[in-house]
C-alpha atoms as a PDB file:
ATOM      1  CA  MET A   1     122.240 164.862 105.844  1.00  0.00           C
ATOM      2  CA  LYS A   2     119.034 164.350 103.890  1.00  0.00           C
ATOM      3  CA  GLN A   3     118.794 160.779 105.190  1.00  0.00           C
ATOM      4  CA  LEU A   4     119.223 161.941 108.782  1.00  0.00           C
ATOM      5  CA  TRP A   5     116.593 164.641 108.312  1.00  0.00           C
ATOM      6  CA  SER A   6     114.201 162.123 106.721  1.00  0.00           C
ATOM      7  CA  ALA A   7     114.702 159.725 109.625  1.00  0.00           C
ATOM      8  CA  LEU A   8     113.807 162.418 112.152  1.00  0.00           C
ATOM      9  CA  ILE A   9     110.931 164.131 110.363  1.00  0.00           C
ATOM     10  CA  SER A  10     108.401 162.758 107.908  1.00  0.00           C
ATOM     11  CA  ALA A  11     108.182 164.437 104.507  1.00  0.00           C
ATOM     12  CA  ASP A  12     104.669 165.752 105.095  1.00  0.00           C
ATOM     13  CA  GLN A  13     105.759 167.469 108.344  1.00  0.00           C
ATOM     14  CA  GLU A  14     109.007 168.955 107.001  1.00  0.00           C
ATOM     15  CA  THR A  15     107.654 172.330 105.888  1.00  0.00           C
ATOM     16  CA  LYS A  16     105.612 172.721 109.059  1.00  0.00           C
ATOM     17  CA  VAL A  17     108.626 172.033 111.307  1.00  0.00           C
ATOM     18  CA  ILE A  18     110.893 174.377 109.339  1.00  0.00           C
ATOM     19  CA  ASN A  19     108.331 177.173 109.458  1.00  0.00           C
ATOM     20  CA  GLN A  20     107.802 176.699 113.203  1.00  0.00           C
ATOM     21  CA  ARG A  21     111.526 176.682 113.986  1.00  0.00           C
ATOM     22  CA  TRP A  22     112.792 178.978 111.234  1.00  0.00           C
ATOM     23  CA  SER A  23     114.354 181.592 113.494  1.00  0.00           C
ATOM     24  CA  GLU A  24     116.144 179.010 115.668  1.00  0.00           C
ATOM     25  CA  ILE A  25     117.522 177.192 112.622  1.00  0.00           C
ATOM     26  CA  TYR A  26     118.619 180.505 111.118  1.00  0.00           C
ATOM     27  CA  GLU A  27     120.441 181.597 114.289  1.00  0.00           C
ATOM     28  CA  GLU A  28     122.315 178.293 114.616  1.00  0.00           C
ATOM     29  CA  CYS A  29     123.339 178.325 110.961  1.00  0.00           C
ATOM     30  CA  PHE A  30     124.463 181.919 111.188  1.00  0.00           C
ATOM     31  CA  LYS A  31     126.641 181.158 114.221  1.00  0.00           C
ATOM     32  CA  ALA A  32     128.319 178.371 112.253  1.00  0.00           C
ATOM     33  CA  VAL A  33     128.885 180.646 109.236  1.00  0.00           C
ATOM     34  CA  LYS A  34     130.891 182.983 111.460  1.00  0.00           C
ATOM     35  CA  GLY A  35     132.861 180.121 113.034  1.00  0.00           C
ATOM     36  CA  ASP A  36     136.431 179.000 112.416  1.00  0.00           C
ATOM     37  CA  GLN A  37     135.979 175.557 110.875  1.00  0.00           C
ATOM     38  CA  TRP A  38     135.494 175.553 107.128  1.00  0.00           C
ATOM     39  CA  ARG A  39     133.390 172.364 107.162  1.00  0.00           C
ATOM     40  CA  ASN A  40     130.904 173.995 109.503  1.00  0.00           C
ATOM     41  CA  LYS A  41     130.886 177.151 107.392  1.00  0.00           C
ATOM     42  CA  GLN A  42     130.196 175.166 104.246  1.00  0.00           C
ATOM     43  CA  ALA A  43     127.361 173.189 105.844  1.00  0.00           C
ATOM     44  CA  ALA A  44     125.881 176.360 107.347  1.00  0.00           C
ATOM     45  CA  CYS A  45     125.953 178.135 103.980  1.00  0.00           C
ATOM     46  CA  LEU A  46     124.109 175.233 102.380  1.00  0.00           C
ATOM     47  CA  CYS A  47     121.585 175.270 105.201  1.00  0.00           C
ATOM     48  CA  LEU A  48     121.037 179.022 104.874  1.00  0.00           C
ATOM     49  CA  SER A  49     120.613 178.614 101.140  1.00  0.00           C
ATOM     50  CA  ASP A  50     117.914 176.007 101.693  1.00  0.00           C
ATOM     51  CA  LEU A  51     116.218 178.202 104.297  1.00  0.00           C
ATOM     52  CA  VAL A  52     116.210 181.332 102.154  1.00  0.00           C
ATOM     53  CA  LEU A  53     115.153 179.576  98.968  1.00  0.00           C
ATOM     54  CA  GLY A  54     112.739 177.249 100.743  1.00  0.00           C
ATOM     55  CA  PRO A  55     109.123 176.816  99.773  1.00  0.00           C
ATOM     56  CA  ASN A  56     106.713 179.585 100.680  1.00  0.00           C
ATOM     57  CA  ARG A  57     109.479 181.865 101.974  1.00  0.00           C
ATOM     58  CA  THR A  58     108.331 185.485 101.807  1.00  0.00           C
ATOM     59  CA  TRP A  59     110.196 188.769 101.759  1.00  0.00           C
ATOM     60  CA  LYS A  60     108.544 189.668 105.080  1.00  0.00           C
ATOM     61  CA  GLU A  61     110.332 186.759 106.758  1.00  0.00           C
ATOM     62  CA  LEU A  62     113.689 187.572 105.176  1.00  0.00           C
ATOM     63  CA  GLN A  63     113.655 191.353 105.243  1.00  0.00           C
ATOM     64  CA  SER A  64     114.928 191.751 108.797  1.00  0.00           C
ATOM     65  CA  HIS A  65     117.809 189.340 108.122  1.00  0.00           C
ATOM     66  CA  TYR A  66     118.725 190.498 104.621  1.00  0.00           C
ATOM     67  CA  ARG A  67     121.455 192.984 105.558  1.00  0.00           C
ATOM     68  CA  GLU A  68     123.160 190.505 107.881  1.00  0.00           C
ATOM     69  CA  ILE A  69     123.043 187.727 105.285  1.00  0.00           C
ATOM     70  CA  PHE A  70     124.312 189.987 102.509  1.00  0.00           C
ATOM     71  CA  LEU A  71     127.236 191.481 104.442  1.00  0.00           C
ATOM     72  CA  THR A  72     128.319 188.139 105.886  1.00  0.00           C
ATOM     73  CA  SER A  73     128.126 186.524 102.452  1.00  0.00           C
ATOM     74  CA  LEU A  74     130.438 189.189 101.062  1.00  0.00           C
ATOM     75  CA  GLY A  75     132.868 188.489 103.887  1.00  0.00           C
ATOM     76  CA  LEU A  76     132.945 184.794 103.001  1.00  0.00           C
ATOM     77  CA  LEU A  77     133.968 185.526  99.430  1.00  0.00           C
END
């Protein structure tokens, strides 16, 4: 996946693109987490982990999504 991402977006633009499209990426990942296929769930969890722990991520950005992430994560356990 990293190779595909690197082919599409240069390293110096990566943070900028993620910050611009954060909410869209989050929504797509969250849909996959709630899906039926375990492979998609696993990939979506890894993606959400990278989004949440990403560089320069602030509590302000995550606060509105925290409850949803927390409760869904408990359901996956």
